[in-house]
Amino acid sequence: MTTVVICRDKKGFYRGFYCAGHAGYAKRGRPDILCAAISALTIGTINSLEELAGERLNVTQNEDTGFLRCDFESILQEKSCFLMDSMVFSLENISREYGGKYLQVKFEEV
């Protein structure tokens, strides 16, 4: 199962997110469409935050374990918050569609 944790501060501002684990939707050794979708959303959002919105990020990843962490160096611009809202919305929809057995989206106050 993949767990995606969205980190917000006490005021509700996005501070980052992290993902851990592999979805396990496909049999071992076969392409996993859920892992691919989660990766596309999270990595696509990171790329958009950096390249399109000019945000400064600290990113750590380990493909073998399915770990990805993205911390924001400052409070996000409005357009960047929209990108994060879109990622969260899409991940929550995937979780509802395929079930919490494969993807869980959680929120954490930091």
PDB file of N, CA and C in Angstrom:
ATOM      1  N   MET A   1       0.832  -1.179   0.000  1.00  0.00           N
ATOM      2  CA  MET A   1       0.000   0.000   0.000  1.00  0.00           C
ATOM      3  C   MET A   1       0.880   1.248   0.000  1.00  0.00           C
ATOM      4  N   THR A   2       0.432   2.256  -0.714  1.00  0.00           N
ATOM      5  CA  THR A   2       1.101   3.554  -0.701  1.00  0.00           C
ATOM      6  C   THR A   2       0.342   4.469   0.240  1.00  0.00           C
ATOM      7  N   THR A   3       1.089   5.161   1.077  1.00  0.00           N
ATOM      8  CA  THR A   3       0.507   6.181   1.943  1.00  0.00           C
ATOM      9  C   THR A   3       1.089   7.520   1.522  1.00  0.00           C
ATOM     10  N   VAL A   4       0.206   8.476   1.262  1.00  0.00           N
ATOM     11  CA  VAL A   4       0.631   9.832   0.944  1.00  0.00           C
ATOM     12  C   VAL A   4       0.180  10.713   2.098  1.00  0.00           C
ATOM     13  N   VAL A   5       1.130  11.412   2.695  1.00  0.00           N
ATOM     14  CA  VAL A   5       0.835  12.293   3.829  1.00  0.00           C
ATOM     15  C   VAL A   5       1.056  13.733   3.389  1.00  0.00           C
ATOM     16  N   ILE A   6      -0.002  14.526   3.517  1.00  0.00           N
ATOM     17  CA  ILE A   6       0.040  15.943   3.172  1.00  0.00           C
ATOM     18  C   ILE A   6       0.298  16.711   4.461  1.00  0.00           C
ATOM     19  N   CYS A   7       1.370  17.488   4.488  1.00  0.00           N
ATOM     20  CA  CYS A   7       1.761  18.217   5.696  1.00  0.00           C
ATOM     21  C   CYS A   7       1.324  19.678   5.590  1.00  0.00           C
ATOM     22  N   ARG A   8       0.619  20.122   6.644  1.00  0.00           N
ATOM     23  CA  ARG A   8       0.170  21.520   6.723  1.00  0.00           C
ATOM     24  C   ARG A   8       0.547  22.073   8.088  1.00  0.00           C
ATOM     25  N   ASP A   9       0.721  23.389   8.149  1.00  0.00           N
ATOM     26  CA  ASP A   9       0.998  24.003   9.440  1.00  0.00           C
ATOM     27  C   ASP A   9      -0.309  24.321  10.160  1.00  0.00           C
ATOM     28  N   LYS A  10      -0.216  24.932  11.339  1.00  0.00           N
ATOM     29  CA  LYS A  10      -1.402  25.225  12.159  1.00  0.00           C
ATOM     30  C   LYS A  10      -2.391  26.159  11.466  1.00  0.00           C
ATOM     31  N   LYS A  11      -1.892  26.971  10.534  1.00  0.00           N
ATOM     32  CA  LYS A  11      -2.750  27.898   9.803  1.00  0.00           C
ATOM     33  C   LYS A  11      -3.354  27.265   8.554  1.00  0.00           C
ATOM     34  N   GLY A  12      -2.985  26.011   8.276  1.00  0.00           N
ATOM     35  CA  GLY A  12      -3.532  25.316   7.116  1.00  0.00           C
ATOM     36  C   GLY A  12      -2.705  25.444   5.854  1.00  0.00           C
ATOM     37  N   PHE A  13      -1.551  26.115   5.928  1.00  0.00           N
ATOM     38  CA  PHE A  13      -0.697  26.266   4.756  1.00  0.00           C
ATOM     39  C   PHE A  13       0.056  24.967   4.474  1.00  0.00           C
ATOM     40  N   TYR A  14       0.133  24.619   3.206  1.00  0.00           N
ATOM     41  CA  TYR A  14       0.908  23.445   2.811  1.00  0.00           C
ATOM     42  C   TYR A  14       2.377  23.656   3.171  1.00  0.00           C
ATOM     43  N   ARG A  15       2.995  22.636   3.758  1.00  0.00           N
ATOM     44  CA  ARG A  15       4.419  22.688   4.104  1.00  0.00           C
ATOM     45  C   ARG A  15       5.217  21.607   3.384  1.00  0.00           C
ATOM     46  N   GLY A  16       4.496  20.651   2.751  1.00  0.00           N
ATOM     47  CA  GLY A  16       5.154  19.590   2.012  1.00  0.00           C
ATOM     48  C   GLY A  16       4.295  18.341   1.985  1.00  0.00           C
ATOM     49  N   PHE A  17       4.876  17.252   1.505  1.00  0.00           N
ATOM     50  CA  PHE A  17       4.182  15.963   1.500  1.00  0.00           C
ATOM     51  C   PHE A  17       5.214  14.862   1.368  1.00  0.00           C
ATOM     52  N   TYR A  18       4.792  13.663   1.740  1.00  0.00           N
ATOM     53  CA  TYR A  18       5.650  12.509   1.518  1.00  0.00           C
ATOM     54  C   TYR A  18       4.817  11.289   1.199  1.00  0.00           C
ATOM     55  N   CYS A  19       5.442  10.359   0.474  1.00  0.00           N
ATOM     56  CA  CYS A  19       4.798   9.121   0.039  1.00  0.00           C
ATOM     57  C   CYS A  19       5.688   7.968   0.477  1.00  0.00           C
ATOM     58  N   ALA A  20       5.062   6.880   0.882  1.00  0.00           N
ATOM     59  CA  ALA A  20       5.828   5.704   1.283  1.00  0.00           C
ATOM     60  C   ALA A  20       5.113   4.449   0.828  1.00  0.00           C
ATOM     61  N   GLY A  21       5.875   3.505   0.297  1.00  0.00           N
ATOM     62  CA  GLY A  21       5.352   2.201  -0.074  1.00  0.00           C
ATOM     63  C   GLY A  21       4.938   2.102  -1.530  1.00  0.00           C
ATOM     64  N   HIS A  22       4.732   0.876  -1.938  1.00  0.00           N
ATOM     65  CA  HIS A  22       4.240   0.576  -3.281  1.00  0.00           C
ATOM     66  C   HIS A  22       2.781   0.145  -3.168  1.00  0.00           C
ATOM     67  N   ALA A  23       1.979   0.533  -4.121  1.00  0.00           N
ATOM     68  CA  ALA A  23       0.538   0.265  -4.064  1.00  0.00           C
ATOM     69  C   ALA A  23       0.232  -1.229  -3.961  1.00  0.00           C
ATOM     70  N   GLY A  24       0.949  -2.036  -4.705  1.00  0.00           N
ATOM     71  CA  GLY A  24       0.696  -3.473  -4.669  1.00  0.00           C
ATOM     72  C   GLY A  24      -0.557  -3.887  -5.418  1.00  0.00           C
ATOM     73  N   TYR A  25      -0.985  -3.077  -6.351  1.00  0.00           N
ATOM     74  CA  TYR A  25      -2.188  -3.391  -7.117  1.00  0.00           C
ATOM     75  C   TYR A  25      -1.922  -4.512  -8.113  1.00  0.00           C
ATOM     76  N   ALA A  26      -0.760  -4.461  -8.776  1.00  0.00           N
ATOM     77  CA  ALA A  26      -0.397  -5.489  -9.751  1.00  0.00           C
ATOM     78  C   ALA A  26       0.439  -6.569  -9.066  1.00  0.00           C
ATOM     79  N   LYS A  27       0.459  -7.737  -9.663  1.00  0.00           N
ATOM     80  CA  LYS A  27       1.294  -8.815  -9.138  1.00  0.00           C
ATOM     81  C   LYS A  27       2.763  -8.412  -9.233  1.00  0.00           C
ATOM     82  N   ARG A  28       3.557  -8.917  -8.303  1.00  0.00           N
ATOM     83  CA  ARG A  28       4.989  -8.599  -8.247  1.00  0.00           C
ATOM     84  C   ARG A  28       5.655  -8.862  -9.605  1.00  0.00           C
ATOM     85  N   GLY A  29       6.438  -7.865 -10.063  1.00  0.00           N
ATOM     86  CA  GLY A  29       7.131  -7.991 -11.335  1.00  0.00           C
ATOM     87  C   GLY A  29       6.347  -7.479 -12.531  1.00  0.00           C
ATOM     88  N   ARG A  30       5.082  -7.156 -12.334  1.00  0.00           N
ATOM     89  CA  ARG A  30       4.242  -6.626 -13.422  1.00  0.00           C
ATOM     90  C   ARG A  30       4.087  -5.117 -13.247  1.00  0.00           C
ATOM     91  N   PRO A  31       3.832  -4.397 -14.320  1.00  0.00           N
ATOM     92  CA  PRO A  31       3.614  -2.953 -14.203  1.00  0.00           C
ATOM     93  C   PRO A  31       2.394  -2.656 -13.324  1.00  0.00           C
ATOM     94  N   ASP A  32       2.546  -1.720 -12.427  1.00  0.00           N
ATOM     95  CA  ASP A  32       1.476  -1.374 -11.484  1.00  0.00           C
ATOM     96  C   ASP A  32       0.906  -0.008 -11.871  1.00  0.00           C
ATOM     97  N   ILE A  33      -0.328  -0.001 -12.399  1.00  0.00           N
ATOM     98  CA  ILE A  33      -0.931   1.244 -12.867  1.00  0.00           C
ATOM     99  C   ILE A  33      -1.158   2.230 -11.732  1.00  0.00           C
ATOM    100  N   LEU A  34      -1.411   1.735 -10.521  1.00  0.00           N
ATOM    101  CA  LEU A  34      -1.625   2.662  -9.409  1.00  0.00           C
ATOM    102  C   LEU A  34      -0.327   3.331  -8.994  1.00  0.00           C
ATOM    103  N   CYS A  35       0.750   2.561  -8.914  1.00  0.00           N
ATOM    104  CA  CYS A  35       2.056   3.175  -8.604  1.00  0.00           C
ATOM    105  C   CYS A  35       2.409   4.207  -9.674  1.00  0.00           C
ATOM    106  N   ALA A  36       2.140   3.873 -10.916  1.00  0.00           N
ATOM    107  CA  ALA A  36       2.433   4.800 -12.011  1.00  0.00           C
ATOM    108  C   ALA A  36       1.604   6.077 -11.886  1.00  0.00           C
ATOM    109  N   ALA A  37       0.339   5.940 -11.551  1.00  0.00           N
ATOM    110  CA  ALA A  37      -0.533   7.113 -11.410  1.00  0.00           C
ATOM    111  C   ALA A  37      -0.090   7.984 -10.242  1.00  0.00           C
ATOM    112  N   ILE A  38       0.216   7.358  -9.115  1.00  0.00           N
ATOM    113  CA  ILE A  38       0.657   8.101  -7.934  1.00  0.00           C
ATOM    114  C   ILE A  38       1.965   8.819  -8.231  1.00  0.00           C
ATOM    115  N   SER A  39       2.892   8.125  -8.885  1.00  0.00           N
ATOM    116  CA  SER A  39       4.179   8.736  -9.242  1.00  0.00           C
ATOM    117  C   SER A  39       3.981   9.900 -10.202  1.00  0.00           C
ATOM    118  N   ALA A  40       3.139   9.717 -11.198  1.00  0.00           N
ATOM    119  CA  ALA A  40       2.899  10.786 -12.170  1.00  0.00           C
ATOM    120  C   ALA A  40       2.332  12.029 -11.488  1.00  0.00           C
ATOM    121  N   LEU A  41       1.401  11.826 -10.571  1.00  0.00           N
ATOM    122  CA  LEU A  41       0.794  12.970  -9.874  1.00  0.00           C
ATOM    123  C   LEU A  41       1.785  13.667  -8.956  1.00  0.00           C
ATOM    124  N   THR A  42       2.498  12.892  -8.150  1.00  0.00           N
ATOM    125  CA  THR A  42       3.394  13.512  -7.171  1.00  0.00           C
ATOM    126  C   THR A  42       4.618  14.133  -7.842  1.00  0.00           C
ATOM    127  N   ILE A  43       5.252  13.407  -8.737  1.00  0.00           N
ATOM    128  CA  ILE A  43       6.445  13.938  -9.400  1.00  0.00           C
ATOM    129  C   ILE A  43       6.062  15.072 -10.360  1.00  0.00           C
ATOM    130  N   GLY A  44       4.927  14.929 -11.027  1.00  0.00           N
ATOM    131  CA  GLY A  44       4.443  16.009 -11.889  1.00  0.00           C
ATOM    132  C   GLY A  44       4.166  17.283 -11.107  1.00  0.00           C
ATOM    133  N   THR A  45       3.610  17.136  -9.914  1.00  0.00           N
ATOM    134  CA  THR A  45       3.353  18.307  -9.072  1.00  0.00           C
ATOM    135  C   THR A  45       4.665  18.943  -8.627  1.00  0.00           C
ATOM    136  N   ILE A  46       5.627  18.128  -8.213  1.00  0.00           N
ATOM    137  CA  ILE A  46       6.940  18.657  -7.820  1.00  0.00           C
ATOM    138  C   ILE A  46       7.565  19.428  -8.986  1.00  0.00           C
ATOM    139  N   ASN A  47       7.549  18.838 -10.171  1.00  0.00           N
ATOM    140  CA  ASN A  47       8.133  19.504 -11.347  1.00  0.00           C
ATOM    141  C   ASN A  47       7.415  20.814 -11.655  1.00  0.00           C
ATOM    142  N   SER A  48       6.091  20.816 -11.564  1.00  0.00           N
ATOM    143  CA  SER A  48       5.320  22.035 -11.830  1.00  0.00           C
ATOM    144  C   SER A  48       5.591  23.107 -10.781  1.00  0.00           C
ATOM    145  N   LEU A  49       5.682  22.701  -9.511  1.00  0.00           N
ATOM    146  CA  LEU A  49       5.982  23.664  -8.447  1.00  0.00           C
ATOM    147  C   LEU A  49       7.334  24.332  -8.687  1.00  0.00           C
ATOM    148  N   GLU A  50       8.308  23.544  -9.101  1.00  0.00           N
ATOM    149  CA  GLU A  50       9.649  24.090  -9.339  1.00  0.00           C
ATOM    150  C   GLU A  50       9.720  24.907 -10.626  1.00  0.00           C
ATOM    151  N   GLU A  51       9.311  24.297 -11.730  1.00  0.00           N
ATOM    152  CA  GLU A  51       9.534  24.901 -13.041  1.00  0.00           C
ATOM    153  C   GLU A  51       8.505  25.961 -13.434  1.00  0.00           C
ATOM    154  N   LEU A  52       7.253  25.724 -13.120  1.00  0.00           N
ATOM    155  CA  LEU A  52       6.211  26.664 -13.535  1.00  0.00           C
ATOM    156  C   LEU A  52       5.947  27.757 -12.498  1.00  0.00           C
ATOM    157  N   ALA A  53       6.026  27.370 -11.214  1.00  0.00           N
ATOM    158  CA  ALA A  53       5.716  28.333 -10.159  1.00  0.00           C
ATOM    159  C   ALA A  53       6.959  28.929  -9.513  1.00  0.00           C
ATOM    160  N   GLY A  54       8.137  28.341  -9.768  1.00  0.00           N
ATOM    161  CA  GLY A  54       9.371  28.888  -9.218  1.00  0.00           C
ATOM    162  C   GLY A  54       9.553  28.659  -7.723  1.00  0.00           C
ATOM    163  N   GLU A  55       8.890  27.639  -7.183  1.00  0.00           N
ATOM    164  CA  GLU A  55       9.021  27.348  -5.747  1.00  0.00           C
ATOM    165  C   GLU A  55      10.366  26.674  -5.461  1.00  0.00           C
ATOM    166  N   ARG A  56      10.868  26.901  -4.266  1.00  0.00           N
ATOM    167  CA  ARG A  56      12.100  26.245  -3.819  1.00  0.00           C
ATOM    168  C   ARG A  56      11.708  25.064  -2.938  1.00  0.00           C
ATOM    169  N   LEU A  57      12.188  23.877  -3.331  1.00  0.00           N
ATOM    170  CA  LEU A  57      11.789  22.641  -2.677  1.00  0.00           C
ATOM    171  C   LEU A  57      13.016  21.834  -2.255  1.00  0.00           C
ATOM    172  N   ASN A  58      12.835  21.024  -1.225  1.00  0.00           N
ATOM    173  CA  ASN A  58      13.825  20.018  -0.840  1.00  0.00           C
ATOM    174  C   ASN A  58      13.177  18.666  -1.100  1.00  0.00           C
ATOM    175  N   VAL A  59      13.755  17.895  -2.035  1.00  0.00           N
ATOM    176  CA  VAL A  59      13.158  16.625  -2.444  1.00  0.00           C
ATOM    177  C   VAL A  59      14.124  15.486  -2.155  1.00  0.00           C
ATOM    178  N   THR A  60      13.581  14.422  -1.568  1.00  0.00           N
ATOM    179  CA  THR A  60      14.331  13.197  -1.284  1.00  0.00           C
ATOM    180  C   THR A  60      13.510  12.038  -1.825  1.00  0.00           C
ATOM    181  N   GLN A  61      14.184  11.060  -2.463  1.00  0.00           N
ATOM    182  CA  GLN A  61      13.439   9.904  -2.965  1.00  0.00           C
ATOM    183  C   GLN A  61      14.284   8.641  -2.943  1.00  0.00           C
ATOM    184  N   ASN A  62      13.589   7.509  -2.904  1.00  0.00           N
ATOM    185  CA  ASN A  62      14.214   6.198  -2.987  1.00  0.00           C
ATOM    186  C   ASN A  62      13.247   5.310  -3.760  1.00  0.00           C
ATOM    187  N   GLU A  63      13.551   5.032  -5.018  1.00  0.00           N
ATOM    188  CA  GLU A  63      12.663   4.249  -5.876  1.00  0.00           C
ATOM    189  C   GLU A  63      12.432   2.840  -5.350  1.00  0.00           C
ATOM    190  N   ASP A  64      13.473   2.235  -4.773  1.00  0.00           N
ATOM    191  CA  ASP A  64      13.346   0.851  -4.297  1.00  0.00           C
ATOM    192  C   ASP A  64      12.275   0.700  -3.220  1.00  0.00           C
ATOM    193  N   THR A  65      12.216   1.666  -2.312  1.00  0.00           N
ATOM    194  CA  THR A  65      11.245   1.572  -1.215  1.00  0.00           C
ATOM    195  C   THR A  65       9.947   2.319  -1.516  1.00  0.00           C
ATOM    196  N   GLY A  66       9.926   3.075  -2.607  1.00  0.00           N
ATOM    197  CA  GLY A  66       8.729   3.845  -2.947  1.00  0.00           C
ATOM    198  C   GLY A  66       8.587   5.092  -2.090  1.00  0.00           C
ATOM    199  N   PHE A  67       9.720   5.618  -1.608  1.00  0.00           N
ATOM    200  CA  PHE A  67       9.680   6.799  -0.734  1.00  0.00           C
ATOM    201  C   PHE A  67       9.958   8.060  -1.532  1.00  0.00           C
ATOM    202  N   LEU A  68       9.145   9.095  -1.281  1.00  0.00           N
ATOM    203  CA  LEU A  68       9.321  10.406  -1.898  1.00  0.00           C
ATOM    204  C   LEU A  68       8.913  11.446  -0.874  1.00  0.00           C
ATOM    205  N   ARG A  69       9.777  12.410  -0.636  1.00  0.00           N
ATOM    206  CA  ARG A  69       9.463  13.493   0.299  1.00  0.00           C
ATOM    207  C   ARG A  69       9.760  14.824  -0.367  1.00  0.00           C
ATOM    208  N   CYS A  70       8.830  15.762  -0.197  1.00  0.00           N
ATOM    209  CA  CYS A  70       8.986  17.103  -0.744  1.00  0.00           C
ATOM    210  C   CYS A  70       8.633  18.107   0.352  1.00  0.00           C
ATOM    211  N   ASP A  71       9.623  18.895   0.761  1.00  0.00           N
ATOM    212  CA  ASP A  71       9.410  19.942   1.763  1.00  0.00           C
ATOM    213  C   ASP A  71       9.523  21.295   1.085  1.00  0.00           C
ATOM    214  N   PHE A  72       8.630  22.209   1.445  1.00  0.00           N
ATOM    215  CA  PHE A  72       8.622  23.541   0.852  1.00  0.00           C
ATOM    216  C   PHE A  72       9.467  24.471   1.712  1.00  0.00           C
ATOM    217  N   GLU A  73      10.325  25.248   1.080  1.00  0.00           N
ATOM    218  CA  GLU A  73      11.201  26.149   1.824  1.00  0.00           C
ATOM    219  C   GLU A  73      10.468  27.357   2.385  1.00  0.00           C
ATOM    220  N   SER A  74       9.309  27.687   1.823  1.00  0.00           N
ATOM    221  CA  SER A  74       8.531  28.830   2.323  1.00  0.00           C
ATOM    222  C   SER A  74       7.049  28.585   2.041  1.00  0.00           C
ATOM    223  N   ILE A  75       6.223  29.509   2.473  1.00  0.00           N
ATOM    224  CA  ILE A  75       4.783  29.428   2.204  1.00  0.00           C
ATOM    225  C   ILE A  75       4.578  29.516   0.687  1.00  0.00           C
ATOM    226  N   LEU A  76       3.719  28.658   0.169  1.00  0.00           N
ATOM    227  CA  LEU A  76       3.490  28.596  -1.273  1.00  0.00           C
ATOM    228  C   LEU A  76       2.684  29.792  -1.775  1.00  0.00           C
ATOM    229  N   GLN A  77       2.950  30.144  -3.020  1.00  0.00           N
ATOM    230  CA  GLN A  77       2.149  31.141  -3.711  1.00  0.00           C
ATOM    231  C   GLN A  77       0.749  30.567  -3.973  1.00  0.00           C
ATOM    232  N   GLU A  78      -0.190  31.430  -4.287  1.00  0.00           N
ATOM    233  CA  GLU A  78      -1.567  30.989  -4.547  1.00  0.00           C
ATOM    234  C   GLU A  78      -1.635  29.963  -5.675  1.00  0.00           C
ATOM    235  N   LYS A  79      -0.908  30.208  -6.772  1.00  0.00           N
ATOM    236  CA  LYS A  79      -0.936  29.266  -7.895  1.00  0.00           C
ATOM    237  C   LYS A  79      -0.346  27.919  -7.494  1.00  0.00           C
ATOM    238  N   SER A  80       0.604  27.919  -6.601  1.00  0.00           N
ATOM    239  CA  SER A  80       1.206  26.672  -6.125  1.00  0.00           C
ATOM    240  C   SER A  80       0.240  25.910  -5.236  1.00  0.00           C
ATOM    241  N   CYS A  81      -0.534  26.631  -4.434  1.00  0.00           N
ATOM    242  CA  CYS A  81      -1.559  25.985  -3.605  1.00  0.00           C
ATOM    243  C   CYS A  81      -2.588  25.292  -4.489  1.00  0.00           C
ATOM    244  N   PHE A  82      -2.906  25.911  -5.614  1.00  0.00           N
ATOM    245  CA  PHE A  82      -3.841  25.300  -6.561  1.00  0.00           C
ATOM    246  C   PHE A  82      -3.275  23.996  -7.109  1.00  0.00           C
ATOM    247  N   LEU A  83      -1.977  23.975  -7.417  1.00  0.00           N
ATOM    248  CA  LEU A  83      -1.335  22.742  -7.886  1.00  0.00           C
ATOM    249  C   LEU A  83      -1.415  21.657  -6.809  1.00  0.00           C
ATOM    250  N   MET A  84      -1.175  22.025  -5.572  1.00  0.00           N
ATOM    251  CA  MET A  84      -1.265  21.057  -4.468  1.00  0.00           C
ATOM    252  C   MET A  84      -2.706  20.578  -4.281  1.00  0.00           C
ATOM    253  N   ASP A  85      -3.659  21.499  -4.333  1.00  0.00           N
ATOM    254  CA  ASP A  85      -5.072  21.117  -4.216  1.00  0.00           C
ATOM    255  C   ASP A  85      -5.442  20.106  -5.297  1.00  0.00           C
ATOM    256  N   SER A  86      -4.952  20.323  -6.504  1.00  0.00           N
ATOM    257  CA  SER A  86      -5.240  19.428  -7.619  1.00  0.00           C
ATOM    258  C   SER A  86      -4.637  18.047  -7.376  1.00  0.00           C
ATOM    259  N   MET A  87      -3.405  17.994  -6.885  1.00  0.00           N
ATOM    260  CA  MET A  87      -2.764  16.710  -6.600  1.00  0.00           C
ATOM    261  C   MET A  87      -3.546  15.955  -5.527  1.00  0.00           C
ATOM    262  N   VAL A  88      -3.891  16.646  -4.441  1.00  0.00           N
ATOM    263  CA  VAL A  88      -4.633  16.014  -3.345  1.00  0.00           C
ATOM    264  C   VAL A  88      -5.984  15.507  -3.846  1.00  0.00           C
ATOM    265  N   PHE A  89      -6.687  16.329  -4.606  1.00  0.00           N
ATOM    266  CA  PHE A  89      -7.989  15.945  -5.161  1.00  0.00           C
ATOM    267  C   PHE A  89      -7.869  14.666  -5.991  1.00  0.00           C
ATOM    268  N   SER A  90      -6.867  14.618  -6.857  1.00  0.00           N
ATOM    269  CA  SER A  90      -6.680  13.451  -7.728  1.00  0.00           C
ATOM    270  C   SER A  90      -6.301  12.209  -6.936  1.00  0.00           C
ATOM    271  N   LEU A  91      -5.409  12.352  -5.965  1.00  0.00           N
ATOM    272  CA  LEU A  91      -5.018  11.204  -5.143  1.00  0.00           C
ATOM    273  C   LEU A  91      -6.200  10.665  -4.334  1.00  0.00           C
ATOM    274  N   GLU A  92      -6.997  11.562  -3.779  1.00  0.00           N
ATOM    275  CA  GLU A  92      -8.175  11.130  -3.018  1.00  0.00           C
ATOM    276  C   GLU A  92      -9.168  10.399  -3.920  1.00  0.00           C
ATOM    277  N   ASN A  93      -9.317  10.866  -5.155  1.00  0.00           N
ATOM    278  CA  ASN A  93     -10.204  10.176  -6.102  1.00  0.00           C
ATOM    279  C   ASN A  93      -9.695   8.781  -6.426  1.00  0.00           C
ATOM    280  N   ILE A  94      -8.402   8.634  -6.623  1.00  0.00           N
ATOM    281  CA  ILE A  94      -7.824   7.313  -6.885  1.00  0.00           C
ATOM    282  C   ILE A  94      -8.058   6.397  -5.689  1.00  0.00           C
ATOM    283  N   SER A  95      -7.862   6.923  -4.489  1.00  0.00           N
ATOM    284  CA  SER A  95      -8.067   6.122  -3.277  1.00  0.00           C
ATOM    285  C   SER A  95      -9.516   5.642  -3.173  1.00  0.00           C
ATOM    286  N   ARG A  96     -10.449   6.533  -3.484  1.00  0.00           N
ATOM    287  CA  ARG A  96     -11.870   6.140  -3.444  1.00  0.00           C
ATOM    288  C   ARG A  96     -12.176   5.096  -4.518  1.00  0.00           C
ATOM    289  N   GLU A  97     -11.618   5.286  -5.705  1.00  0.00           N
ATOM    290  CA  GLU A  97     -11.900   4.400  -6.836  1.00  0.00           C
ATOM    291  C   GLU A  97     -11.331   2.995  -6.628  1.00  0.00           C
ATOM    292  N   TYR A  98     -10.089   2.911  -6.164  1.00  0.00           N
ATOM    293  CA  TYR A  98      -9.410   1.612  -6.043  1.00  0.00           C
ATOM    294  C   TYR A  98      -9.392   1.070  -4.619  1.00  0.00           C
ATOM    295  N   GLY A  99      -9.664   1.911  -3.656  1.00  0.00           N
ATOM    296  CA  GLY A  99      -9.749   1.462  -2.274  1.00  0.00           C
ATOM    297  C   GLY A  99      -8.514   1.766  -1.449  1.00  0.00           C
ATOM    298  N   GLY A 100      -8.760   1.952  -0.153  1.00  0.00           N
ATOM    299  CA  GLY A 100      -7.703   2.256   0.796  1.00  0.00           C
ATOM    300  C   GLY A 100      -6.710   1.124   0.980  1.00  0.00           C
ATOM    301  N   LYS A 101      -7.015  -0.026   0.443  1.00  0.00           N
ATOM    302  CA  LYS A 101      -6.090  -1.155   0.504  1.00  0.00           C
ATOM    303  C   LYS A 101      -4.825  -0.868  -0.300  1.00  0.00           C
ATOM    304  N   TYR A 102      -4.930   0.011  -1.302  1.00  0.00           N
ATOM    305  CA  TYR A 102      -3.819   0.307  -2.190  1.00  0.00           C
ATOM    306  C   TYR A 102      -3.244   1.711  -1.993  1.00  0.00           C
ATOM    307  N   LEU A 103      -4.097   2.670  -1.628  1.00  0.00           N
ATOM    308  CA  LEU A 103      -3.656   4.056  -1.462  1.00  0.00           C
ATOM    309  C   LEU A 103      -4.438   4.706  -0.335  1.00  0.00           C
ATOM    310  N   GLN A 104      -3.705   5.311   0.586  1.00  0.00           N
ATOM    311  CA  GLN A 104      -4.321   6.099   1.636  1.00  0.00           C
ATOM    312  C   GLN A 104      -3.725   7.508   1.585  1.00  0.00           C
ATOM    313  N   VAL A 105      -4.587   8.494   1.683  1.00  0.00           N
ATOM    314  CA  VAL A 105      -4.158   9.891   1.719  1.00  0.00           C
ATOM    315  C   VAL A 105      -4.475  10.403   3.123  1.00  0.00           C
ATOM    316  N   LYS A 106      -3.448  10.905   3.791  1.00  0.00           N
ATOM    317  CA  LYS A 106      -3.602  11.382   5.170  1.00  0.00           C
ATOM    318  C   LYS A 106      -3.098  12.818   5.267  1.00  0.00           C
ATOM    319  N   PHE A 107      -3.526  13.496   6.336  1.00  0.00           N
ATOM    320  CA  PHE A 107      -3.098  14.870   6.584  1.00  0.00           C
ATOM    321  C   PHE A 107      -2.416  14.923   7.940  1.00  0.00           C
ATOM    322  N   GLU A 108      -1.353  15.714   8.003  1.00  0.00           N
ATOM    323  CA  GLU A 108      -0.567  15.817   9.229  1.00  0.00           C
ATOM    324  C   GLU A 108      -0.265  17.289   9.496  1.00  0.00           C
ATOM    325  N   GLU A 109      -0.437  17.691  10.743  1.00  0.00           N
ATOM    326  CA  GLU A 109      -0.081  19.050  11.117  1.00  0.00           C
ATOM    327  C   GLU A 109       1.380  19.075  11.554  1.00  0.00           C
ATOM    328  N   VAL A 110       2.129  19.993  10.982  1.00  0.00           N
ATOM    329  CA  VAL A 110       3.557  20.097  11.309  1.00  0.00           C
ATOM    330  C   VAL A 110       3.883  21.446  11.913  1.00  0.00           C
TER     331      VAL A 110
END
